[in-house]
Amino acid sequence: MDTTTHIRTFVEVVRCGGFSEAARQLGVVPSVVANASPSWRPNCRPGCSSAPRAR
């Protein structure tokens, strides 16, 4: 996603109150919106995730 798309997605999540409704409004599947979300957290470097990693 480019910066403009990230911002638009972020605004939709805030406006809609969740990933699922934002995805419906944007015309994408919820996983697309959810996968964009780690970059919105403070102190998150590219590629970081809150999901546990398999060891």
C-alpha atoms as a PDB file:
ATOM      1  CA  MET A   1       0.000   0.000   0.000  1.00  0.00           C
ATOM      2  CA  ASP A   2       1.167   3.512  -0.701  1.00  0.00           C
ATOM      3  CA  THR A   3       1.012   6.265   1.914  1.00  0.00           C
ATOM      4  CA  THR A   4      -2.268   7.706   0.637  1.00  0.00           C
ATOM      5  CA  THR A   5      -3.960   4.306   0.765  1.00  0.00           C
ATOM      6  CA  HIS A   6      -2.632   3.690   4.299  1.00  0.00           C
ATOM      7  CA  ILE A   7      -4.029   7.019   5.472  1.00  0.00           C
ATOM      8  CA  ARG A   8      -7.397   6.403   3.823  1.00  0.00           C
ATOM      9  CA  THR A   9      -7.559   2.933   5.375  1.00  0.00           C
ATOM     10  CA  PHE A  10      -6.643   4.283   8.816  1.00  0.00           C
ATOM     11  CA  VAL A  11      -9.328   6.979   8.586  1.00  0.00           C
ATOM     12  CA  GLU A  12     -11.943   4.398   7.593  1.00  0.00           C
ATOM     13  CA  VAL A  13     -11.032   2.133  10.519  1.00  0.00           C
ATOM     14  CA  VAL A  14     -11.389   5.032  12.942  1.00  0.00           C
ATOM     15  CA  ARG A  15     -14.606   6.256  11.320  1.00  0.00           C
ATOM     16  CA  CYS A  16     -16.172   2.780  11.191  1.00  0.00           C
ATOM     17  CA  GLY A  17     -14.869   1.615  14.543  1.00  0.00           C
ATOM     18  CA  GLY A  18     -13.325  -1.615  13.303  1.00  0.00           C
ATOM     19  CA  PHE A  19     -11.547  -3.514  10.566  1.00  0.00           C
ATOM     20  CA  SER A  20     -14.528  -5.447   9.206  1.00  0.00           C
ATOM     21  CA  GLU A  21     -16.754  -2.454   8.537  1.00  0.00           C
ATOM     22  CA  ALA A  22     -13.835  -0.433   7.190  1.00  0.00           C
ATOM     23  CA  ALA A  23     -13.025  -3.272   4.798  1.00  0.00           C
ATOM     24  CA  ARG A  24     -16.643  -3.318   3.577  1.00  0.00           C
ATOM     25  CA  GLN A  25     -16.539   0.433   3.005  1.00  0.00           C
ATOM     26  CA  LEU A  26     -13.216   0.179   1.143  1.00  0.00           C
ATOM     27  CA  GLY A  27     -14.292  -2.837  -0.907  1.00  0.00           C
ATOM     28  CA  VAL A  28     -11.528  -5.140   0.324  1.00  0.00           C
ATOM     29  CA  VAL A  29     -11.354  -8.205   2.535  1.00  0.00           C
ATOM     30  CA  PRO A  30     -10.794  -7.570   6.272  1.00  0.00           C
ATOM     31  CA  SER A  31      -7.333  -9.159   6.198  1.00  0.00           C
ATOM     32  CA  VAL A  32      -6.100  -6.382   3.893  1.00  0.00           C
ATOM     33  CA  VAL A  33      -7.136  -3.782   6.467  1.00  0.00           C
ATOM     34  CA  ALA A  34      -5.811  -5.806   9.406  1.00  0.00           C
ATOM     35  CA  ASN A  35      -2.458  -6.403   7.723  1.00  0.00           C
ATOM     36  CA  ALA A  36      -2.011  -2.661   7.237  1.00  0.00           C
ATOM     37  CA  SER A  37      -2.554  -1.957  10.938  1.00  0.00           C
ATOM     38  CA  PRO A  38       0.869  -2.786  12.490  1.00  0.00           C
ATOM     39  CA  SER A  39       2.392   0.298  10.892  1.00  0.00           C
ATOM     40  CA  TRP A  40      -0.138   2.471  12.760  1.00  0.00           C
ATOM     41  CA  ARG A  41       1.204   1.530  16.189  1.00  0.00           C
ATOM     42  CA  PRO A  42       3.846   3.757  17.783  1.00  0.00           C
ATOM     43  CA  ASN A  43       7.372   2.322  17.884  1.00  0.00           C
ATOM     44  CA  CYS A  44       6.542  -0.280  15.264  1.00  0.00           C
ATOM     45  CA  ARG A  45       9.221  -0.848  12.657  1.00  0.00           C
ATOM     46  CA  PRO A  46       8.348  -2.096   9.169  1.00  0.00           C
ATOM     47  CA  GLY A  47       7.585  -5.793   9.320  1.00  0.00           C
ATOM     48  CA  CYS A  48       6.690  -5.899  13.010  1.00  0.00           C
ATOM     49  CA  SER A  49       3.548  -7.665  14.073  1.00  0.00           C
ATOM     50  CA  SER A  50       1.583  -8.318  17.229  1.00  0.00           C
ATOM     51  CA  ALA A  51       0.995 -11.910  16.123  1.00  0.00           C
ATOM     52  CA  PRO A  52       3.118 -14.549  17.867  1.00  0.00           C
ATOM     53  CA  ARG A  53       5.797 -16.117  15.723  1.00  0.00           C
ATOM     54  CA  ALA A  54       6.223 -19.838  15.295  1.00  0.00           C
ATOM     55  CA  ARG A  55       9.460 -21.154  16.780  1.00  0.00           C
END
